[in-house]
PDB file of all heavy atoms in Angstrom:
ATOM      1  N   PRO A   1      29.517 194.145 128.423  1.00  0.00           N
ATOM      2  CA  PRO A   1      28.268 193.784 129.149  1.00  0.00           C
ATOM      3  C   PRO A   1      27.779 194.945 129.977  1.00  0.00           C
ATOM      4  O   PRO A   1      28.569 195.750 130.487  1.00  0.00           O
ATOM      5  CB  PRO A   1      28.722 192.611 130.060  1.00  0.00           C
ATOM      6  CG  PRO A   1      30.177 192.856 130.257  1.00  0.00           C
ATOM      7  CD  PRO A   1      30.699 193.452 128.971  1.00  0.00           C
ATOM      8  N   VAL A   2      26.464 195.058 130.071  1.00  0.00           N
ATOM      9  CA  VAL A   2      25.817 196.052 130.939  1.00  0.00           C
ATOM     10  C   VAL A   2      25.094 195.259 132.032  1.00  0.00           C
ATOM     11  O   VAL A   2      24.097 194.611 131.780  1.00  0.00           O
ATOM     12  CB  VAL A   2      24.824 196.957 130.156  1.00  0.00           C
ATOM     13  CG1 VAL A   2      24.202 197.973 131.094  1.00  0.00           C
ATOM     14  CG2 VAL A   2      25.522 197.622 128.973  1.00  0.00           C
ATOM     15  N   ASP A   3      25.624 195.307 133.214  1.00  0.00           N
ATOM     16  CA  ASP A   3      25.092 194.536 134.324  1.00  0.00           C
ATOM     17  C   ASP A   3      24.268 195.409 135.254  1.00  0.00           C
ATOM     18  O   ASP A   3      24.569 196.598 135.449  1.00  0.00           O
ATOM     19  CB  ASP A   3      26.236 193.889 135.129  1.00  0.00           C
ATOM     20  CG  ASP A   3      27.064 192.958 134.301  1.00  0.00           C
ATOM     21  OD1 ASP A   3      26.489 192.163 133.550  1.00  0.00           O
ATOM     22  OD2 ASP A   3      28.306 193.017 134.380  1.00  0.00           O
ATOM     23  N   LEU A   4      23.211 194.835 135.793  1.00  0.00           N
ATOM     24  CA  LEU A   4      22.416 195.524 136.817  1.00  0.00           C
ATOM     25  C   LEU A   4      22.939 195.084 138.174  1.00  0.00           C
ATOM     26  O   LEU A   4      22.953 193.887 138.485  1.00  0.00           O
ATOM     27  CB  LEU A   4      20.943 195.183 136.655  1.00  0.00           C
ATOM     28  CG  LEU A   4      20.281 195.630 135.349  1.00  0.00           C
ATOM     29  CD1 LEU A   4      18.806 195.233 135.313  1.00  0.00           C
ATOM     30  CD2 LEU A   4      20.402 197.132 135.174  1.00  0.00           C
ATOM     31  N   VAL A   5      23.392 196.028 138.966  1.00  0.00           N
ATOM     32  CA  VAL A   5      23.970 195.727 140.267  1.00  0.00           C
ATOM     33  C   VAL A   5      23.155 196.395 141.365  1.00  0.00           C
ATOM     34  O   VAL A   5      22.592 197.483 141.146  1.00  0.00           O
ATOM     35  CB  VAL A   5      25.456 196.177 140.336  1.00  0.00           C
ATOM     36  CG1 VAL A   5      26.279 195.448 139.350  1.00  0.00           C
ATOM     37  CG2 VAL A   5      25.591 197.677 140.115  1.00  0.00           C
ATOM     38  N   ARG A   6      23.091 195.774 142.494  1.00  0.00           N
ATOM     39  CA  ARG A   6      22.386 196.341 143.637  1.00  0.00           C
ATOM     40  C   ARG A   6      23.381 196.812 144.669  1.00  0.00           C
ATOM     41  O   ARG A   6      24.256 196.059 145.101  1.00  0.00           O
ATOM     42  CB  ARG A   6      21.454 195.279 144.252  1.00  0.00           C
ATOM     43  CG  ARG A   6      20.354 194.805 143.327  1.00  0.00           C
ATOM     44  CD  ARG A   6      19.448 193.769 143.964  1.00  0.00           C
ATOM     45  NE  ARG A   6      18.492 193.262 142.996  1.00  0.00           N
ATOM     46  CZ  ARG A   6      17.303 193.800 142.790  1.00  0.00           C
ATOM     47  NH1 ARG A   6      16.957 194.860 143.492  1.00  0.00           N
ATOM     48  NH2 ARG A   6      16.467 193.252 141.956  1.00  0.00           N
ATOM     49  N   LEU A   7      23.261 198.062 145.048  1.00  0.00           N
ATOM     50  CA  LEU A   7      24.132 198.633 146.107  1.00  0.00           C
ATOM     51  C   LEU A   7      23.256 199.213 147.197  1.00  0.00           C
ATOM     52  O   LEU A   7      22.087 199.568 146.979  1.00  0.00           O
ATOM     53  CB  LEU A   7      24.975 199.778 145.524  1.00  0.00           C
ATOM     54  CG  LEU A   7      25.994 199.414 144.425  1.00  0.00           C
ATOM     55  CD1 LEU A   7      26.737 200.681 143.986  1.00  0.00           C
ATOM     56  CD2 LEU A   7      26.970 198.369 144.871  1.00  0.00           C
ATOM     57  N   SER A   8      23.825 199.261 148.398  1.00  0.00           N
ATOM     58  CA  SER A   8      23.136 199.979 149.462  1.00  0.00           C
ATOM     59  C   SER A   8      23.050 201.451 149.095  1.00  0.00           C
ATOM     60  O   SER A   8      23.811 201.963 148.284  1.00  0.00           O
ATOM     61  CB  SER A   8      23.862 199.792 150.779  1.00  0.00           C
ATOM     62  OG  SER A   8      25.086 200.528 150.776  1.00  0.00           O
ATOM     63  N   TYR A   9      22.120 202.158 149.747  1.00  0.00           N
ATOM     64  CA  TYR A   9      21.981 203.576 149.497  1.00  0.00           C
ATOM     65  C   TYR A   9      23.289 204.323 149.758  1.00  0.00           C
ATOM     66  O   TYR A   9      23.734 205.144 148.922  1.00  0.00           O
ATOM     67  CB  TYR A   9      20.850 204.160 150.373  1.00  0.00           C
ATOM     68  CG  TYR A   9      20.641 205.624 150.254  1.00  0.00           C
ATOM     69  CD1 TYR A   9      19.921 206.151 149.198  1.00  0.00           C
ATOM     70  CD2 TYR A   9      21.197 206.495 151.201  1.00  0.00           C
ATOM     71  CE1 TYR A   9      19.745 207.540 149.075  1.00  0.00           C
ATOM     72  CE2 TYR A   9      21.029 207.871 151.101  1.00  0.00           C
ATOM     73  CZ  TYR A   9      20.291 208.388 150.042  1.00  0.00           C
ATOM     74  OH  TYR A   9      20.114 209.742 149.942  1.00  0.00           O
ATOM     75  N   ASP A  10      23.924 203.995 150.865  1.00  0.00           N
ATOM     76  CA  ASP A  10      25.203 204.690 151.231  1.00  0.00           C
ATOM     77  C   ASP A  10      26.277 204.400 150.208  1.00  0.00           C
ATOM     78  O   ASP A  10      27.031 205.299 149.829  1.00  0.00           O
ATOM     79  CB  ASP A  10      25.654 204.256 152.627  1.00  0.00           C
ATOM     80  CG  ASP A  10      24.767 204.847 153.714  1.00  0.00           C
ATOM     81  OD1 ASP A  10      24.066 205.834 153.445  1.00  0.00           O
ATOM     82  OD2 ASP A  10      24.779 204.303 154.842  1.00  0.00           O
ATOM     83  N   ASP A  11      26.365 203.134 149.714  1.00  0.00           N
ATOM     84  CA  ASP A  11      27.386 202.803 148.760  1.00  0.00           C
ATOM     85  C   ASP A  11      27.127 203.516 147.413  1.00  0.00           C
ATOM     86  O   ASP A  11      28.064 203.957 146.758  1.00  0.00           O
ATOM     87  CB  ASP A  11      27.419 201.264 148.540  1.00  0.00           C
ATOM     88  CG  ASP A  11      28.041 200.542 149.686  1.00  0.00           C
ATOM     89  OD1 ASP A  11      28.748 201.195 150.497  1.00  0.00           O
ATOM     90  OD2 ASP A  11      27.823 199.323 149.810  1.00  0.00           O
ATOM     91  N   ALA A  12      25.845 203.640 146.994  1.00  0.00           N
ATOM     92  CA  ALA A  12      25.521 204.340 145.761  1.00  0.00           C
ATOM     93  C   ALA A  12      25.924 205.804 145.867  1.00  0.00           C
ATOM     94  O   ALA A  12      26.492 206.361 144.934  1.00  0.00           O
ATOM     95  CB  ALA A  12      24.048 204.190 145.428  1.00  0.00           C
ATOM     96  N   ILE A  13      25.603 206.429 147.019  1.00  0.00           N
ATOM     97  CA  ILE A  13      25.979 207.855 147.236  1.00  0.00           C
ATOM     98  C   ILE A  13      27.494 207.989 147.152  1.00  0.00           C
ATOM     99  O   ILE A  13      28.012 208.928 146.543  1.00  0.00           O
ATOM    100  CB  ILE A  13      25.444 208.321 148.591  1.00  0.00           C
ATOM    101  CG1 ILE A  13      23.912 208.406 148.578  1.00  0.00           C
ATOM    102  CG2 ILE A  13      26.060 209.674 148.959  1.00  0.00           C
ATOM    103  CD1 ILE A  13      23.343 209.480 147.655  1.00  0.00           C
ATOM    104  N   ARG A  14      28.197 207.049 147.757  1.00  0.00           N
ATOM    105  CA  ARG A  14      29.665 207.104 147.812  1.00  0.00           C
ATOM    106  C   ARG A  14      30.251 206.997 146.390  1.00  0.00           C
ATOM    107  O   ARG A  14      31.158 207.766 146.011  1.00  0.00           O
ATOM    108  CB  ARG A  14      30.201 205.992 148.688  1.00  0.00           C
ATOM    109  CG  ARG A  14      31.702 206.119 149.024  1.00  0.00           C
ATOM    110  CD  ARG A  14      32.110 205.029 149.992  1.00  0.00           C
ATOM    111  NE  ARG A  14      31.374 205.086 151.224  1.00  0.00           N
ATOM    112  CZ  ARG A  14      30.499 204.175 151.631  1.00  0.00           C
ATOM    113  NH1 ARG A  14      30.249 203.111 150.869  1.00  0.00           N
ATOM    114  NH2 ARG A  14      29.854 204.304 152.758  1.00  0.00           N
ATOM    115  N   ARG A  15      29.699 206.084 145.581  1.00  0.00           N
ATOM    116  CA  ARG A  15      30.228 205.879 144.221  1.00  0.00           C
ATOM    117  C   ARG A  15      29.968 207.119 143.350  1.00  0.00           C
ATOM    118  O   ARG A  15      30.864 207.556 142.636  1.00  0.00           O
ATOM    119  CB  ARG A  15      29.568 204.647 143.607  1.00  0.00           C
ATOM    120  CG  ARG A  15      29.997 203.342 144.211  1.00  0.00           C
ATOM    121  CD  ARG A  15      31.493 203.016 143.934  1.00  0.00           C
ATOM    122  NE  ARG A  15      31.735 202.831 142.521  1.00  0.00           N
ATOM    123  CZ  ARG A  15      31.654 201.661 141.925  1.00  0.00           C
ATOM    124  NH1 ARG A  15      31.292 200.583 142.609  1.00  0.00           N
ATOM    125  NH2 ARG A  15      31.928 201.541 140.621  1.00  0.00           N
ATOM    126  N   PHE A  16      28.769 207.678 143.402  1.00  0.00           N
ATOM    127  CA  PHE A  16      28.472 208.842 142.600  1.00  0.00           C
ATOM    128  C   PHE A  16      29.266 210.075 143.070  1.00  0.00           C
ATOM    129  O   PHE A  16      29.623 210.950 142.269  1.00  0.00           O
ATOM    130  CB  PHE A  16      26.976 209.149 142.631  1.00  0.00           C
ATOM    131  CG  PHE A  16      26.157 208.193 141.782  1.00  0.00           C
ATOM    132  CD1 PHE A  16      24.923 207.749 142.257  1.00  0.00           C
ATOM    133  CD2 PHE A  16      26.614 207.776 140.556  1.00  0.00           C
ATOM    134  CE1 PHE A  16      24.153 206.864 141.476  1.00  0.00           C
ATOM    135  CE2 PHE A  16      25.851 206.904 139.784  1.00  0.00           C
ATOM    136  CZ  PHE A  16      24.637 206.453 140.229  1.00  0.00           C
ATOM    137  N   THR A  17      29.558 210.147 144.366  1.00  0.00           N
ATOM    138  CA  THR A  17      30.359 211.250 144.874  1.00  0.00           C
ATOM    139  C   THR A  17      31.789 211.140 144.354  1.00  0.00           C
ATOM    140  O   THR A  17      32.402 212.125 143.890  1.00  0.00           O
ATOM    141  CB  THR A  17      30.374 211.231 146.409  1.00  0.00           C
ATOM    142  OG1 THR A  17      29.071 211.368 146.909  1.00  0.00           O
ATOM    143  CG2 THR A  17      31.238 212.371 146.964  1.00  0.00           C
ATOM    144  N   MET A  18      32.343 209.923 144.314  1.00  0.00           N
ATOM    145  CA  MET A  18      33.684 209.689 143.831  1.00  0.00           C
ATOM    146  C   MET A  18      33.831 210.049 142.348  1.00  0.00           C
ATOM    147  O   MET A  18      34.874 210.564 141.937  1.00  0.00           O
ATOM    148  CB  MET A  18      34.101 208.234 144.056  1.00  0.00           C
ATOM    149  CG  MET A  18      34.339 207.836 145.519  1.00  0.00           C
ATOM    150  SD  MET A  18      34.572 206.051 145.689  1.00  0.00           S
ATOM    151  CE  MET A  18      35.953 205.761 144.577  1.00  0.00           C
ATOM    152  N   THR A  19      32.787 209.751 141.552  1.00  0.00           N
ATOM    153  CA  THR A  19      32.846 209.981 140.119  1.00  0.00           C
ATOM    154  C   THR A  19      32.338 211.359 139.736  1.00  0.00           C
ATOM    155  O   THR A  19      32.358 211.714 138.547  1.00  0.00           O
ATOM    156  CB  THR A  19      32.036 208.901 139.377  1.00  0.00           C
ATOM    157  OG1 THR A  19      30.691 208.892 139.845  1.00  0.00           O
ATOM    158  CG2 THR A  19      32.655 207.540 139.572  1.00  0.00           C
ATOM    159  N   GLY A  20      31.894 212.166 140.684  1.00  0.00           N
ATOM    160  CA  GLY A  20      31.441 213.501 140.419  1.00  0.00           C
ATOM    161  C   GLY A  20      30.134 213.566 139.628  1.00  0.00           C
ATOM    162  O   GLY A  20      29.880 214.570 138.943  1.00  0.00           O
ATOM    163  N   GLN A  21      29.299 212.529 139.722  1.00  0.00           N
ATOM    164  CA  GLN A  21      28.006 212.526 138.992  1.00  0.00           C
ATOM    165  C   GLN A  21      26.950 213.200 139.875  1.00  0.00           C
ATOM    166  O   GLN A  21      26.122 212.566 140.464  1.00  0.00           O
ATOM    167  CB  GLN A  21      27.622 211.074 138.637  1.00  0.00           C
ATOM    168  CG  GLN A  21      28.546 210.470 137.604  1.00  0.00           C
ATOM    169  CD  GLN A  21      28.288 209.013 137.399  1.00  0.00           C
ATOM    170  OE1 GLN A  21      28.892 208.150 138.041  1.00  0.00           O
ATOM    171  NE2 GLN A  21      27.374 208.679 136.476  1.00  0.00           N
ATOM    172  N   ASN A  22      27.015 214.542 139.892  1.00  0.00           N
ATOM    173  CA  ASN A  22      26.168 215.286 140.825  1.00  0.00           C
ATOM    174  C   ASN A  22      24.679 215.199 140.452  1.00  0.00           C
ATOM    175  O   ASN A  22      23.843 215.318 141.345  1.00  0.00           O
ATOM    176  CB  ASN A  22      26.599 216.765 140.809  1.00  0.00           C
ATOM    177  CG  ASN A  22      28.004 216.927 141.404  1.00  0.00           C
ATOM    178  OD1 ASN A  22      28.382 216.233 142.339  1.00  0.00           O
ATOM    179  ND2 ASN A  22      28.792 217.856 140.850  1.00  0.00           N
ATOM    180  N   ASP A  23      24.385 215.027 139.181  1.00  0.00           N
ATOM    181  CA  ASP A  23      22.950 214.905 138.810  1.00  0.00           C
ATOM    182  C   ASP A  23      22.353 213.663 139.423  1.00  0.00           C
ATOM    183  O   ASP A  23      21.179 213.679 139.880  1.00  0.00           O
ATOM    184  CB  ASP A  23      22.801 214.892 137.306  1.00  0.00           C
ATOM    185  CG  ASP A  23      23.666 213.834 136.631  1.00  0.00           C
ATOM    186  OD1 ASP A  23      24.674 213.428 137.240  1.00  0.00           O
ATOM    187  OD2 ASP A  23      23.371 213.439 135.482  1.00  0.00           O
ATOM    188  N   LYS A  24      23.101 212.580 139.477  1.00  0.00           N
ATOM    189  CA  LYS A  24      22.590 211.353 140.094  1.00  0.00           C
ATOM    190  C   LYS A  24      22.490 211.523 141.635  1.00  0.00           C
ATOM    191  O   LYS A  24      21.559 211.004 142.264  1.00  0.00           O
ATOM    192  CB  LYS A  24      23.510 210.168 139.793  1.00  0.00           C
ATOM    193  CG  LYS A  24      23.730 209.946 138.288  1.00  0.00           C
ATOM    194  CD  LYS A  24      22.429 209.752 137.569  1.00  0.00           C
ATOM    195  CE  LYS A  24      22.609 209.455 136.081  1.00  0.00           C
ATOM    196  NZ  LYS A  24      23.216 210.544 135.327  1.00  0.00           N
ATOM    197  N   LEU A  25      23.463 212.220 142.194  1.00  0.00           N
ATOM    198  CA  LEU A  25      23.402 212.508 143.630  1.00  0.00           C
ATOM    199  C   LEU A  25      22.144 213.287 144.002  1.00  0.00           C
ATOM    200  O   LEU A  25      21.518 213.033 145.003  1.00  0.00           O
ATOM    201  CB  LEU A  25      24.658 213.277 144.087  1.00  0.00           C
ATOM    202  CG  LEU A  25      25.956 212.486 144.152  1.00  0.00           C
ATOM    203  CD1 LEU A  25      27.137 213.405 144.413  1.00  0.00           C
ATOM    204  CD2 LEU A  25      25.865 211.443 145.293  1.00  0.00           C
ATOM    205  N   ASN A  26      21.783 214.275 143.138  1.00  0.00           N
ATOM    206  CA  ASN A  26      20.624 215.081 143.418  1.00  0.00           C
ATOM    207  C   ASN A  26      19.348 214.251 143.377  1.00  0.00           C
ATOM    208  O   ASN A  26      18.405 214.474 144.140  1.00  0.00           O
ATOM    209  CB  ASN A  26      20.525 216.196 142.410  1.00  0.00           C
ATOM    210  CG  ASN A  26      21.514 217.340 142.684  1.00  0.00           C
ATOM    211  OD1 ASN A  26      21.996 217.460 143.813  1.00  0.00           O
ATOM    212  ND2 ASN A  26      21.854 218.098 141.651  1.00  0.00           N
ATOM    213  N   LEU A  27      19.314 213.259 142.479  1.00  0.00           N
ATOM    214  CA  LEU A  27      18.140 212.379 142.413  1.00  0.00           C
ATOM    215  C   LEU A  27      17.992 211.508 143.649  1.00  0.00           C
ATOM    216  O   LEU A  27      16.892 211.242 144.129  1.00  0.00           O
ATOM    217  CB  LEU A  27      18.193 211.494 141.148  1.00  0.00           C
ATOM    218  CG  LEU A  27      17.904 212.179 139.817  1.00  0.00           C
ATOM    219  CD1 LEU A  27      18.091 211.202 138.695  1.00  0.00           C
ATOM    220  CD2 LEU A  27      16.463 212.699 139.795  1.00  0.00           C
ATOM    221  N   LEU A  28      19.162 211.043 144.183  1.00  0.00           N
ATOM    222  CA  LEU A  28      19.115 210.161 145.337  1.00  0.00           C
ATOM    223  C   LEU A  28      19.042 210.912 146.652  1.00  0.00           C
ATOM    224  O   LEU A  28      18.658 210.356 147.691  1.00  0.00           O
ATOM    225  CB  LEU A  28      20.358 209.262 145.349  1.00  0.00           C
ATOM    226  CG  LEU A  28      20.444 208.169 144.272  1.00  0.00           C
ATOM    227  CD1 LEU A  28      21.753 207.455 144.360  1.00  0.00           C
ATOM    228  CD2 LEU A  28      19.300 207.203 144.431  1.00  0.00           C
ATOM    229  N   LYS A  29      19.395 212.196 146.624  1.00  0.00           N
ATOM    230  CA  LYS A  29      19.542 212.951 147.843  1.00  0.00           C
ATOM    231  C   LYS A  29      18.251 213.012 148.655  1.00  0.00           C
ATOM    232  O   LYS A  29      18.269 213.047 149.886  1.00  0.00           O
ATOM    233  CB  LYS A  29      19.974 214.386 147.498  1.00  0.00           C
ATOM    234  CG  LYS A  29      20.281 215.283 148.685  1.00  0.00           C
ATOM    235  CD  LYS A  29      20.813 216.647 148.205  1.00  0.00           C
ATOM    236  CE  LYS A  29      21.144 217.557 149.379  1.00  0.00           C
ATOM    237  NZ  LYS A  29      21.591 218.878 148.884  1.00  0.00           N
ATOM    238  N   HIS A  30      17.109 213.042 147.954  1.00  0.00           N
ATOM    239  CA  HIS A  30      15.814 213.175 148.631  1.00  0.00           C
ATOM    240  C   HIS A  30      15.085 211.849 148.751  1.00  0.00           C
ATOM    241  O   HIS A  30      13.856 211.813 148.894  1.00  0.00           O
ATOM    242  CB  HIS A  30      14.990 214.202 147.880  1.00  0.00           C
ATOM    243  CG  HIS A  30      15.681 215.533 147.736  1.00  0.00           C
ATOM    244  ND1 HIS A  30      15.869 216.402 148.793  1.00  0.00           N
ATOM    245  CD2 HIS A  30      16.320 216.113 146.681  1.00  0.00           C
ATOM    246  CE1 HIS A  30      16.514 217.468 148.380  1.00  0.00           C
ATOM    247  NE2 HIS A  30      16.798 217.323 147.109  1.00  0.00           N
ATOM    248  N   ARG A  31      15.810 210.769 148.613  1.00  0.00           N
ATOM    249  CA  ARG A  31      15.268 209.424 148.786  1.00  0.00           C
ATOM    250  C   ARG A  31      16.174 208.680 149.749  1.00  0.00           C
ATOM    251  O   ARG A  31      17.319 209.053 149.949  1.00  0.00           O
ATOM    252  CB  ARG A  31      15.182 208.663 147.463  1.00  0.00           C
ATOM    253  CG  ARG A  31      14.333 209.325 146.394  1.00  0.00           C
ATOM    254  CD  ARG A  31      14.529 208.637 145.064  1.00  0.00           C
ATOM    255  NE  ARG A  31      14.403 207.204 145.175  1.00  0.00           N
ATOM    256  CZ  ARG A  31      14.945 206.312 144.300  1.00  0.00           C
ATOM    257  NH1 ARG A  31      15.684 206.748 143.337  1.00  0.00           N
ATOM    258  NH2 ARG A  31      14.751 205.048 144.482  1.00  0.00           N
ATOM    259  N   ASN A  32      15.652 207.597 150.309  1.00  0.00           N
ATOM    260  CA  ASN A  32      16.505 206.773 151.182  1.00  0.00           C
ATOM    261  C   ASN A  32      16.085 205.319 151.072  1.00  0.00           C
ATOM    262  O   ASN A  32      15.713 204.706 152.047  1.00  0.00           O
ATOM    263  CB  ASN A  32      16.444 207.253 152.597  1.00  0.00           C
ATOM    264  CG  ASN A  32      17.545 206.611 153.467  1.00  0.00           C
ATOM    265  OD1 ASN A  32      18.444 205.998 152.961  1.00  0.00           O
ATOM    266  ND2 ASN A  32      17.384 206.704 154.763  1.00  0.00           N
TER     267      ASN A  32
END
């Protein structure tokens, strides 16, 4: 299954940081 989940901005940043997905971090870095 591919589920759509809602996370807070801080939680999304934390998850992408843990998994090393820097491209996603760069997209979120300039948004809040």
